Every structure is written in structure tokens, then in C-alpha cells.
Amino acid sequence: MKPVSNPDAAIKIMAGSSSAAPLPRRHRGRMGLAAAALLLATAGCSQVPGFGPTDGPPVSAPVQPVDRGPPQAPSGTTIGTGPVRVALIVPLTQNGQPSVVGASLRNAADLAMQETGGSAITLLVKDSGASRAGARAAAEEAIREGAELILGPLFAGNVREVGAVARRAGKPVIAFSTDTSVSARGVYLLSFLVEDYVNRIVDFAADRGKKSFAALVPENDYGNVALAAFQQAAARRGVRVQAVERYGAGGLTRAAQNIGAAQSSIDTLFIPEQAGSMTEVSRALIAAGVRPDRIQIIGTGIWNDARVLKLPVLQGAWFSAPENAGFNAFAGRYRTKFNTDPTRIATLAYDAVTLGVALAGQPGARYNEGILTNSSGFNGADGLFRFRPDGQNERGLAVLQIGRGTTTAVSPAPRSFTTRPGT
């Protein structure tokens, strides 16, 4: 087995610090160096030494699997030759055409398999297409072929279908949707959640002494979720929300003017807008006389885009996001292998597959709830994350400040869930 070219890319189960003991000797030959760096959190764990949940015995799956007889031979594309079968369900095609996003997720999974040795699992690659029926059929096929864990799919409606199939079979799902309404016990979201972004940036602003907030929020699904999270975070931190301005098509100018009129009574402005629309927002704020030297502008990880970083009104702005170093290292290796750039969410497939490989050496229910919801979490390409029992996740995010077309970390991502961000 060839050693992994970049052991720093490994997922680790965190230990309340950045260090932990290596895997038991008998598991090391089962996987490449990257997966062998996955480490458990506490010394008092049950099951195999070095593995298991941090609090008590493993929790049983909500539905016991049905005996379906021996698994069928895999159909379609497979990657790896290991004894444990894991399915990857992604939209390889949409409307009859190849999907750039789906191909990037599949390539990232391939890269993870290459870097972990590929001998611990066989990855069953399934095309969900863009339809719920396609996702459901892919999940049913994966279960018939003996998949013990399903990774993906991407779209919320597809996650609901796959989750229903997996639940009946007693198998867990690690999905890539950002819609928290599809998360549930046994259906875990690995994606970057709006709520995490908002909690991190509001906490940071409050810690920096900001007390009086306003929000300029688009009338769309992202804006709705972001605003709800913002209001909850503000209430939790005891900061005032002086104004909330919503805008739809044709309404941005008036909303920005209202913010401009209120700026003497606020010290922070929250704008959860997509990168592609921030140029128009910037122009509207400047026209309305909003002074970024007097008001701290804050946002979420969707601002981590070159189009946003050069906007004049956002120089000095803060936003929460994963630190860039992990993704940049991943993107370099991806570019070397596939001669193209990955999509930003490709790390989700990379981390999911690496986690699947690293846990494959477990005896028995290797992907059970107690292991997947280990409270100390895991460390992947985009930093620290952990799954909650309700299926949502928490990520260790940094706060970045925009300046001169680039970003600087003004509060680093936490290195464990036992430390405060920035320490």
C-alpha cells in the first residue's frame, strides 16, 4: 500500500486538544495513512480501544435493520476494494447532462480513496440525478448491494427520500444539504449550515463590544433562515436589534436608504447576501450614505469569494467561515489529480469518504449513532466538525476580516470543542 501523499489531510476524531494516541496496531494495515490518523476523543471509551462514543455506550439505531439476505453484486461504478460497502449518492447528471457539481463531489471522493489506500471500503457510486425518484432508486439499490453507510445526496428533497429508505434499513446517512429541516436522528448533515455561520459572527461581534444591530436581508430562503438565526443569536447574547430591512426585486434601494437613516443608532449591520449580489448591495449602501468606518458590517461564509473581497464598502467587514488553508491544500491536490478546480463543496465528499474509511475497521456496528455523534468531533479538510444527535452539525469556524481584496483571520477557528473560538 502506498503511503498517503499528504497526511495532514486526514480526518481526526478530536480529543479536546490537537493531540491523541494512534489507532490500535491491528487496524493500521487496513487503511492508508490519512485514515489511520483518525483518533478518538477520550480514554474511557467502550468497544475497540481508541474508538467509541465519549459518553456512555453506543446508542442503537432508531430502526433495526431487516435481514435482506446476502448483498447483491455492486452495479455501476465502484471505487476501492475493501470489505465494507459505503454508498455515495450525488447528482452526476442533471436534465440529462453531466453535472459539474456532481462530478466534483465524485472526484473528491476518488481523491479521498486514493489518499486513504482504498482497501478498507468499496465505494458504491450512485447517480441521484436531480429528481427525488432518482435519489430513492439509488438508495434502494445501494441497500440491496450491502451499503452500511450512505454519503449524500445533495438536494434537500433527495435527502428526504434517501433518509426514508435508509431508516427502514437501519442505515445512517451523511448528507450534503444545507436545509436543516431534512436532518433527523440517523440523517446527519455535513454541510456548512447558515445557523453556524450566524452564531459565530454574532458571538464574535458581541464579544467585541457591539450592542446595537441592524439587518439588511434578502427575501429568499437563505435570507429567511439567516434572519431567524440572527434574531435568536441576538436574543441569546442580549444585544438589541434596532432595525430589520427586507428587500426583494426592486426594493434594495429603499431598504438601504432606511439603513442609512438609522445608522446613528446602530453599531453593526448584518447582511446575509450571496456573493453574486453583493456588488449591487455595496452600491446601494454607498448611495444611501452608509459609513463602514462607523458601522461594523458582518456576514456569513458565502462572502468568501473574490467578488466580495474587493468591494469598497466591505473593507474592514467581518464574516465567519472555515479557515482557508485546509481547502487550499485540498484544492491543490485535487487540481494535480484532475487538472481542474474543485467546487467549494467538494470537501464534503472528501471528508465524508475519509470518515467512512477511517471508521471501517470497527467491529459490529461501525457507523452507529454513538460513534458518529462523538461529542469531541472530527477534524476534516475544512476544520473541526461534529454531528448532533438531531442530525445537524457544529463546525469550528474562524472570523475573517476583509481588507485590500483578501482576508485576515481576526479570530482563528477553535482547535477543539472544549476551547472557545479564537483560542
Protein backbone atom coordinates (compact mmCIF):
# COMPACT_ATOMS: atom_id res chain seq x y z
CA MET A 1 0.00 0.00 0.00
CA LYS A 2 1.42 3.41 -0.93
CA PRO A 3 1.53 5.95 1.88
CA VAL A 4 -0.71 8.96 1.59
CA SER A 5 0.94 11.93 -0.07
CA ASN A 6 -0.49 14.40 2.44
CA PRO A 7 -1.13 13.03 5.93
CA ASP A 8 -2.28 16.48 7.10
CA ALA A 9 -5.43 15.93 5.01
CA ALA A 10 -6.62 13.22 7.39
CA ILE A 11 -9.80 13.39 9.39
CA LYS A 12 -9.22 13.03 13.10
CA ILE A 13 -11.61 12.34 15.94
CA MET A 14 -10.74 15.13 18.28
CA ALA A 15 -9.55 14.71 21.85
CA GLY A 16 -10.32 18.06 23.40
CA SER A 17 -6.93 19.12 22.04
CA SER A 18 -4.97 18.64 18.86
CA SER A 19 -3.18 15.53 20.05
CA ALA A 20 -4.24 11.95 20.65
CA ALA A 21 -2.92 8.42 20.51
CA PRO A 22 -2.61 6.40 17.30
CA LEU A 23 -5.00 3.71 16.16
CA PRO A 24 -4.68 0.22 17.60
CA ARG A 25 -1.93 -1.67 15.81
CA ARG A 26 -4.23 -4.28 14.29
CA HIS A 27 -6.12 -1.61 12.31
CA ARG A 28 -3.16 0.17 10.77
CA GLY A 29 -2.73 -2.19 7.87
CA ARG A 30 -6.38 -1.82 6.89
CA MET A 31 -6.18 1.71 5.60
CA GLY A 32 -3.82 4.36 4.32
CA LEU A 33 -2.01 6.85 6.50
CA ALA A 34 -4.68 9.53 6.18
CA ALA A 35 -7.45 7.38 7.62
CA ALA A 36 -5.09 5.90 10.18
CA ALA A 37 -4.77 9.37 11.68
CA LEU A 38 -8.43 9.32 12.77
CA LEU A 39 -8.27 9.39 16.52
CA LEU A 40 -10.81 9.17 19.31
CA ALA A 41 -11.60 11.71 21.92
CA THR A 42 -11.50 10.15 25.36
CA ALA A 43 -9.68 7.38 27.12
CA GLY A 44 -12.78 5.96 28.78
CA CYS A 45 -14.46 4.76 25.60
CA SER A 46 -16.16 1.47 25.03
CA GLN A 47 -15.68 -1.01 22.21
CA VAL A 48 -12.34 -1.20 20.40
CA PRO A 49 -9.61 0.71 22.28
CA GLY A 50 -9.24 4.11 20.67
CA PHE A 51 -12.81 4.15 19.32
CA GLY A 52 -16.34 4.63 20.53
CA PRO A 53 -18.64 7.33 21.89
CA THR A 54 -17.46 9.76 24.56
CA ASP A 55 -20.50 9.47 26.82
CA GLY A 56 -21.74 6.01 27.71
CA PRO A 57 -22.38 3.00 25.47
CA PRO A 58 -23.24 3.23 21.78
CA VAL A 59 -26.80 4.29 21.01
CA SER A 60 -28.78 1.86 18.94
CA ALA A 61 -30.02 2.90 15.52
CA PRO A 62 -33.65 4.11 15.62
CA VAL A 63 -34.77 1.28 13.36
CA GLN A 64 -33.29 -2.18 13.43
CA PRO A 65 -32.16 -3.40 10.02
CA VAL A 66 -34.18 -6.07 8.29
CA ASP A 67 -32.44 -9.25 7.22
CA ARG A 68 -32.34 -8.89 3.44
CA GLY A 69 -30.14 -11.85 2.72
CA PRO A 70 -26.70 -11.65 1.13
CA PRO A 71 -25.95 -8.37 -0.68
CA GLN A 72 -26.11 -8.22 -4.43
CA ALA A 73 -23.01 -7.69 -6.53
CA PRO A 74 -22.35 -3.95 -6.99
CA SER A 75 -23.69 -2.40 -10.17
CA GLY A 76 -22.34 0.71 -11.81
CA THR A 77 -19.16 2.47 -10.73
CA THR A 78 -17.21 1.35 -7.69
CA ILE A 79 -14.02 2.73 -6.15
CA GLY A 80 -11.80 0.67 -3.88
CA THR A 81 -11.74 -3.00 -3.00
CA GLY A 82 -12.48 -3.10 0.73
CA PRO A 83 -14.84 -5.49 2.51
CA VAL A 84 -17.11 -2.72 3.87
CA ARG A 85 -19.55 -1.20 1.40
CA VAL A 86 -20.36 2.51 1.55
CA ALA A 87 -22.57 4.32 -0.97
CA LEU A 88 -22.01 7.78 -2.43
CA ILE A 89 -25.18 9.28 -3.93
CA VAL A 90 -24.59 12.51 -5.86
CA PRO A 91 -26.15 14.24 -8.91
CA LEU A 92 -23.78 13.07 -11.62
CA THR A 93 -26.35 14.15 -14.19
CA GLN A 94 -29.00 16.89 -14.27
CA ASN A 95 -31.59 17.20 -17.02
CA GLY A 96 -29.77 14.54 -18.99
CA GLN A 97 -26.46 16.43 -18.93
CA PRO A 98 -23.32 15.85 -16.86
CA SER A 99 -23.32 17.83 -13.63
CA VAL A 100 -20.23 19.88 -12.78
CA VAL A 101 -21.08 19.82 -9.07
CA GLY A 102 -21.77 16.09 -9.09
CA ALA A 103 -18.52 15.37 -10.92
CA SER A 104 -16.59 17.47 -8.41
CA LEU A 105 -18.10 15.57 -5.47
CA ARG A 106 -17.34 12.25 -7.14
CA ASN A 107 -13.76 13.31 -7.91
CA ALA A 108 -13.23 14.44 -4.32
CA ALA A 109 -14.42 11.04 -3.13
CA ASP A 110 -11.98 9.39 -5.55
CA LEU A 111 -9.16 11.54 -4.17
CA ALA A 112 -10.06 10.54 -0.61
CA MET A 113 -10.00 6.88 -1.58
CA GLN A 114 -6.60 7.30 -3.23
CA GLU A 115 -5.15 9.05 -0.19
CA THR A 116 -6.54 6.52 2.30
CA GLY A 117 -5.41 3.46 0.39
CA GLY A 118 -8.78 2.22 -0.88
CA SER A 119 -8.53 -1.16 0.85
CA ALA A 120 -10.88 -0.54 3.77
CA ILE A 121 -14.13 0.08 1.85
CA THR A 122 -15.72 -0.36 -1.53
CA LEU A 123 -17.41 2.90 -2.51
CA LEU A 124 -20.62 2.37 -4.48
CA VAL A 125 -21.09 5.49 -6.63
CA LYS A 126 -24.74 6.18 -7.49
CA ASP A 127 -26.29 8.92 -9.62
CA SER A 128 -29.28 10.61 -7.97
CA GLY A 129 -29.90 12.89 -10.92
CA ALA A 130 -31.92 15.95 -9.92
CA SER A 131 -35.07 14.01 -9.03
CA ARG A 132 -36.37 12.54 -5.81
CA ALA A 133 -37.26 9.34 -7.62
CA GLY A 134 -33.68 9.02 -8.83
CA ALA A 135 -32.33 9.51 -5.33
CA ARG A 136 -34.77 6.97 -3.88
CA ALA A 137 -33.87 4.39 -6.53
CA ALA A 138 -30.16 4.95 -5.93
CA ALA A 139 -30.60 4.43 -2.18
CA GLU A 140 -32.65 1.28 -2.65
CA GLU A 141 -30.02 -0.13 -4.99
CA ALA A 142 -27.24 0.76 -2.55
CA ILE A 143 -29.04 -1.01 0.33
CA ARG A 144 -29.58 -4.13 -1.82
CA GLU A 145 -25.86 -4.11 -2.56
CA GLY A 146 -24.99 -4.09 1.13
CA ALA A 147 -24.15 -0.44 1.85
CA GLU A 148 -23.65 0.08 5.59
CA LEU A 149 -23.47 3.87 5.27
CA ILE A 150 -24.85 6.31 2.69
CA LEU A 151 -22.99 9.53 1.84
CA GLY A 152 -25.06 12.23 0.14
CA PRO A 153 -27.24 13.19 -1.59
CA LEU A 154 -27.02 16.95 -2.13
CA PHE A 155 -30.54 18.36 -2.56
CA ALA A 156 -32.98 18.59 0.34
CA GLY A 157 -35.84 16.72 -1.32
CA ASN A 158 -33.47 13.94 -2.29
CA VAL A 159 -32.17 13.71 1.27
CA ARG A 160 -35.73 13.13 2.49
CA GLU A 161 -36.17 10.24 0.06
CA VAL A 162 -32.80 8.66 0.81
CA GLY A 163 -33.33 9.12 4.56
CA ALA A 164 -36.64 7.27 4.41
CA VAL A 165 -35.07 4.34 2.56
CA ALA A 166 -32.05 4.22 4.87
CA ARG A 167 -34.19 4.47 8.01
CA ARG A 168 -36.21 1.40 7.02
CA ALA A 169 -32.95 -0.49 6.53
CA GLY A 170 -31.42 0.81 9.79
CA LYS A 171 -28.52 2.51 7.98
CA PRO A 172 -27.15 6.02 8.69
CA VAL A 173 -26.87 8.82 6.14
CA ILE A 174 -24.31 11.64 6.00
CA ALA A 175 -25.87 14.14 3.59
CA PHE A 176 -24.69 17.37 1.95
CA SER A 177 -27.82 19.56 2.04
CA THR A 178 -27.83 22.87 3.95
CA ASP A 179 -31.56 22.59 4.71
CA THR A 180 -31.78 21.66 8.39
CA SER A 181 -35.41 20.60 8.02
CA VAL A 182 -34.20 17.33 6.43
CA SER A 183 -31.88 16.44 9.30
CA ALA A 184 -33.03 13.82 11.77
CA ARG A 185 -31.73 11.12 14.02
CA GLY A 186 -29.68 8.93 11.71
CA VAL A 187 -29.61 11.53 8.90
CA TYR A 188 -26.62 13.78 9.55
CA LEU A 189 -25.75 16.95 7.63
CA LEU A 190 -22.06 17.54 6.89
CA SER A 191 -22.74 20.79 5.02
CA PHE A 192 -21.98 24.37 6.03
CA LEU A 193 -25.11 25.47 7.89
CA VAL A 194 -26.35 29.05 7.93
CA GLU A 195 -27.06 28.79 11.65
CA ASP A 196 -23.40 28.01 12.42
CA TYR A 197 -22.20 30.99 10.40
CA VAL A 198 -24.65 33.34 12.11
CA ASN A 199 -23.98 32.14 15.66
CA ARG A 200 -20.22 32.52 15.20
CA ILE A 201 -20.30 36.03 13.75
CA VAL A 202 -22.89 37.38 16.21
CA ASP A 203 -20.96 35.91 19.15
CA PHE A 204 -17.74 37.48 17.89
CA ALA A 205 -19.33 40.90 17.36
CA ALA A 206 -20.91 40.81 20.81
CA ASP A 207 -17.58 39.78 22.34
CA ARG A 208 -16.03 42.82 20.64
CA GLY A 209 -18.49 45.07 22.41
CA LYS A 210 -21.11 45.53 19.68
CA LYS A 211 -24.51 46.21 21.22
CA SER A 212 -26.91 47.65 18.64
CA PHE A 213 -27.53 45.70 15.43
CA ALA A 214 -29.47 46.12 12.20
CA ALA A 215 -30.02 43.59 9.42
CA LEU A 216 -30.37 44.05 5.65
CA VAL A 217 -31.83 40.77 4.45
CA PRO A 218 -32.93 39.47 1.02
CA GLU A 219 -36.41 37.99 0.70
CA ASN A 220 -35.37 34.45 -0.20
CA ASP A 221 -34.90 31.11 1.53
CA TYR A 222 -31.32 31.83 2.61
CA GLY A 223 -32.34 35.20 3.99
CA ASN A 224 -35.26 33.70 5.90
CA VAL A 225 -33.09 31.11 7.63
CA ALA A 226 -30.28 33.61 8.29
CA LEU A 227 -32.65 36.19 9.78
CA ALA A 228 -34.27 33.66 12.12
CA ALA A 229 -30.84 32.52 13.31
CA PHE A 230 -29.70 36.13 13.68
CA GLN A 231 -32.66 37.09 15.85
CA GLN A 232 -32.18 34.02 18.04
CA ALA A 233 -28.45 34.70 18.41
CA ALA A 234 -29.07 38.36 19.24
CA ALA A 235 -31.61 37.40 21.92
CA ARG A 236 -29.20 34.83 23.35
CA ARG A 237 -26.42 37.42 23.60
CA GLY A 238 -28.69 40.21 24.83
CA VAL A 239 -27.89 42.67 22.01
CA ARG A 240 -30.51 45.00 20.54
CA VAL A 241 -31.85 44.59 17.02
CA GLN A 242 -32.77 48.16 16.11
CA ALA A 243 -33.90 47.59 12.52
CA VAL A 244 -34.57 44.80 10.07
CA GLU A 245 -34.92 45.72 6.41
CA ARG A 246 -36.08 43.06 3.94
CA TYR A 247 -35.82 43.54 0.19
CA GLY A 248 -36.98 41.74 -2.90
CA ALA A 249 -36.74 42.62 -6.58
CA GLY A 250 -36.60 46.40 -6.93
CA GLY A 251 -36.62 47.01 -3.18
CA LEU A 252 -32.91 47.19 -2.33
CA THR A 253 -32.53 50.95 -2.77
CA ARG A 254 -35.29 51.80 -0.31
CA ALA A 255 -34.07 49.20 2.21
CA ALA A 256 -30.52 50.60 2.05
CA GLN A 257 -31.85 54.14 2.50
CA ASN A 258 -33.69 53.06 5.64
CA ILE A 259 -30.46 51.56 6.99
CA GLY A 260 -28.66 54.79 6.17
CA ALA A 261 -31.28 56.81 8.06
CA ALA A 262 -30.91 54.54 11.13
CA GLN A 263 -27.13 54.32 11.21
CA SER A 264 -26.72 56.83 14.05
CA SER A 265 -28.40 54.32 16.39
CA ILE A 266 -26.59 51.14 15.32
CA ASP A 267 -23.02 49.90 15.52
CA THR A 268 -23.33 46.68 13.48
CA LEU A 269 -25.03 45.77 10.19
CA PHE A 270 -25.69 42.12 9.30
CA ILE A 271 -26.04 41.29 5.58
CA PRO A 272 -26.65 37.60 4.69
CA GLU A 273 -26.47 38.05 0.92
CA GLN A 274 -24.99 35.83 -1.78
CA ALA A 275 -21.62 36.80 -3.28
CA GLY A 276 -23.09 37.42 -6.72
CA SER A 277 -25.48 40.07 -5.37
CA MET A 278 -23.11 41.89 -3.06
CA THR A 279 -21.90 44.33 -5.74
CA GLU A 280 -25.42 45.72 -6.05
CA VAL A 281 -25.77 45.82 -2.26
CA SER A 282 -22.48 47.69 -1.95
CA ARG A 283 -23.59 50.32 -4.45
CA ALA A 284 -26.91 50.78 -2.67
CA LEU A 285 -25.24 51.24 0.72
CA ILE A 286 -22.77 53.79 -0.63
CA ALA A 287 -25.60 55.71 -2.31
CA ALA A 288 -27.52 55.69 0.97
CA GLY A 289 -24.57 57.20 2.82
CA VAL A 290 -23.79 54.19 4.99
CA ARG A 291 -20.37 54.68 6.61
CA PRO A 292 -18.43 51.44 7.06
CA ASP A 293 -15.87 53.35 9.11
CA ARG A 294 -18.61 53.96 11.70
CA ILE A 295 -20.68 50.78 11.38
CA GLN A 296 -19.21 47.30 11.53
CA ILE A 297 -20.61 45.24 8.65
CA ILE A 298 -20.85 41.47 9.23
CA GLY A 299 -21.85 38.49 7.10
CA THR A 300 -21.58 34.74 6.59
CA GLY A 301 -19.28 32.31 4.81
CA ILE A 302 -20.91 32.87 1.42
CA TRP A 303 -18.85 36.08 1.28
CA ASN A 304 -15.64 34.07 0.92
CA ASP A 305 -15.47 35.00 -2.75
CA ALA A 306 -13.10 37.23 -4.72
CA ARG A 307 -16.04 39.33 -5.98
CA VAL A 308 -16.92 40.30 -2.42
CA LEU A 309 -13.41 40.89 -1.09
CA LYS A 310 -12.74 43.83 -3.45
CA LEU A 311 -15.94 45.80 -2.71
CA PRO A 312 -15.17 49.22 -1.17
CA VAL A 313 -18.00 49.21 1.38
CA LEU A 314 -16.85 45.85 2.76
CA GLN A 315 -13.25 46.77 3.53
CA GLY A 316 -12.95 46.04 7.25
CA ALA A 317 -16.07 43.85 7.28
CA TRP A 318 -16.15 40.59 9.25
CA PHE A 319 -17.60 37.25 8.24
CA SER A 320 -17.48 33.73 9.63
CA ALA A 321 -16.10 30.90 7.53
CA PRO A 322 -13.81 27.89 7.65
CA GLU A 323 -10.17 28.86 7.57
CA ASN A 324 -8.87 28.80 4.01
CA ALA A 325 -5.70 26.77 4.50
CA GLY A 326 -7.38 23.36 4.58
CA PHE A 327 -9.44 23.94 1.46
CA ASN A 328 -6.48 25.45 -0.40
CA ALA A 329 -4.35 22.38 0.35
CA PHE A 330 -7.18 20.07 -0.75
CA ALA A 331 -7.75 22.12 -3.92
CA GLY A 332 -4.07 21.87 -4.83
CA ARG A 333 -4.09 18.09 -4.61
CA TYR A 334 -7.40 17.91 -6.47
CA ARG A 335 -6.01 20.14 -9.24
CA THR A 336 -2.94 17.95 -9.58
CA LYS A 337 -5.04 14.80 -9.98
CA PHE A 338 -7.91 16.10 -12.15
CA ASN A 339 -6.38 19.15 -13.88
CA THR A 340 -9.32 21.35 -12.88
CA ASP A 341 -10.53 23.25 -9.82
CA PRO A 342 -12.95 21.65 -7.34
CA THR A 343 -16.25 23.26 -6.42
CA ARG A 344 -16.23 24.75 -2.93
CA ILE A 345 -18.43 21.97 -1.51
CA ALA A 346 -16.22 19.17 -2.85
CA THR A 347 -14.60 18.87 0.57
CA LEU A 348 -17.90 17.49 1.88
CA ALA A 349 -17.48 14.33 -0.19
CA TYR A 350 -13.78 14.18 0.60
CA ASP A 351 -14.35 14.36 4.36
CA ALA A 352 -17.34 12.01 4.29
CA VAL A 353 -15.41 9.31 2.44
CA THR A 354 -12.33 9.72 4.63
CA LEU A 355 -14.52 9.36 7.71
CA GLY A 356 -16.19 6.27 6.24
CA VAL A 357 -12.79 4.71 5.58
CA ALA A 358 -11.39 5.59 8.97
CA LEU A 359 -14.31 4.00 10.85
CA ALA A 360 -14.43 0.91 8.64
CA GLY A 361 -12.12 -1.04 10.94
CA GLN A 362 -14.74 -1.03 13.70
CA PRO A 363 -16.23 -4.42 14.59
CA GLY A 364 -20.01 -4.71 14.57
CA ALA A 365 -21.99 -1.51 14.13
CA ARG A 366 -19.05 0.57 12.95
CA TYR A 367 -21.24 3.53 11.90
CA ASN A 368 -23.57 3.59 14.88
CA GLU A 369 -25.04 6.74 16.40
CA GLY A 370 -22.73 6.80 19.41
CA ILE A 371 -19.64 6.87 17.20
CA LEU A 372 -20.95 9.37 14.65
CA THR A 373 -22.19 11.78 17.33
CA ASN A 374 -18.97 11.60 19.35
CA SER A 375 -19.09 14.92 21.25
CA SER A 376 -15.45 15.82 20.65
CA GLY A 377 -15.98 15.68 16.90
CA PHE A 378 -13.75 15.21 13.89
CA ASN A 379 -11.19 17.31 12.07
CA GLY A 380 -11.51 17.40 8.29
CA ALA A 381 -10.32 19.46 5.35
CA ASP A 382 -12.38 22.44 6.49
CA GLY A 383 -11.52 22.07 10.15
CA LEU A 384 -13.39 20.90 13.20
CA PHE A 385 -16.93 19.50 12.99
CA ARG A 386 -19.27 17.27 14.94
CA PHE A 387 -22.70 15.77 14.35
CA ARG A 388 -25.50 16.45 16.79
CA PRO A 389 -27.99 13.70 17.67
CA ASP A 390 -30.71 15.64 15.79
CA GLY A 391 -28.69 15.34 12.57
CA GLN A 392 -27.42 18.90 12.42
CA ASN A 393 -23.77 19.77 12.85
CA GLU A 394 -21.49 22.25 14.53
CA ARG A 395 -18.32 23.50 12.89
CA GLY A 396 -15.26 25.23 14.22
CA LEU A 397 -15.32 28.46 12.21
CA ALA A 398 -12.93 31.38 12.01
CA VAL A 399 -13.86 35.06 11.75
CA LEU A 400 -12.18 36.70 8.77
CA GLN A 401 -11.75 40.42 8.14
CA ILE A 402 -11.79 41.79 4.60
CA GLY A 403 -9.01 44.15 3.57
CA ARG A 404 -7.37 45.04 0.26
CA GLY A 405 -9.02 42.23 -1.61
CA THR A 406 -8.02 39.49 0.78
CA THR A 407 -8.88 38.20 4.26
CA THR A 408 -7.14 38.03 7.61
CA ALA A 409 -8.24 35.80 10.47
CA VAL A 410 -9.15 38.08 13.37
CA SER A 411 -10.39 35.10 15.38
CA PRO A 412 -8.98 31.68 14.44
CA ALA A 413 -11.14 28.59 14.32
CA PRO A 414 -11.12 26.57 17.56
CA ARG A 415 -8.89 23.50 17.65
CA SER A 416 -11.30 21.56 19.81
CA PHE A 417 -14.88 21.85 21.06
CA THR A 418 -13.56 22.26 24.60
CA THR A 419 -11.95 25.61 23.83
CA ARG A 420 -13.53 28.93 22.93
CA PRO A 421 -13.14 30.10 19.32
CA GLY A 422 -10.02 32.14 18.81
CA THR A 423 -8.03 30.29 21.46
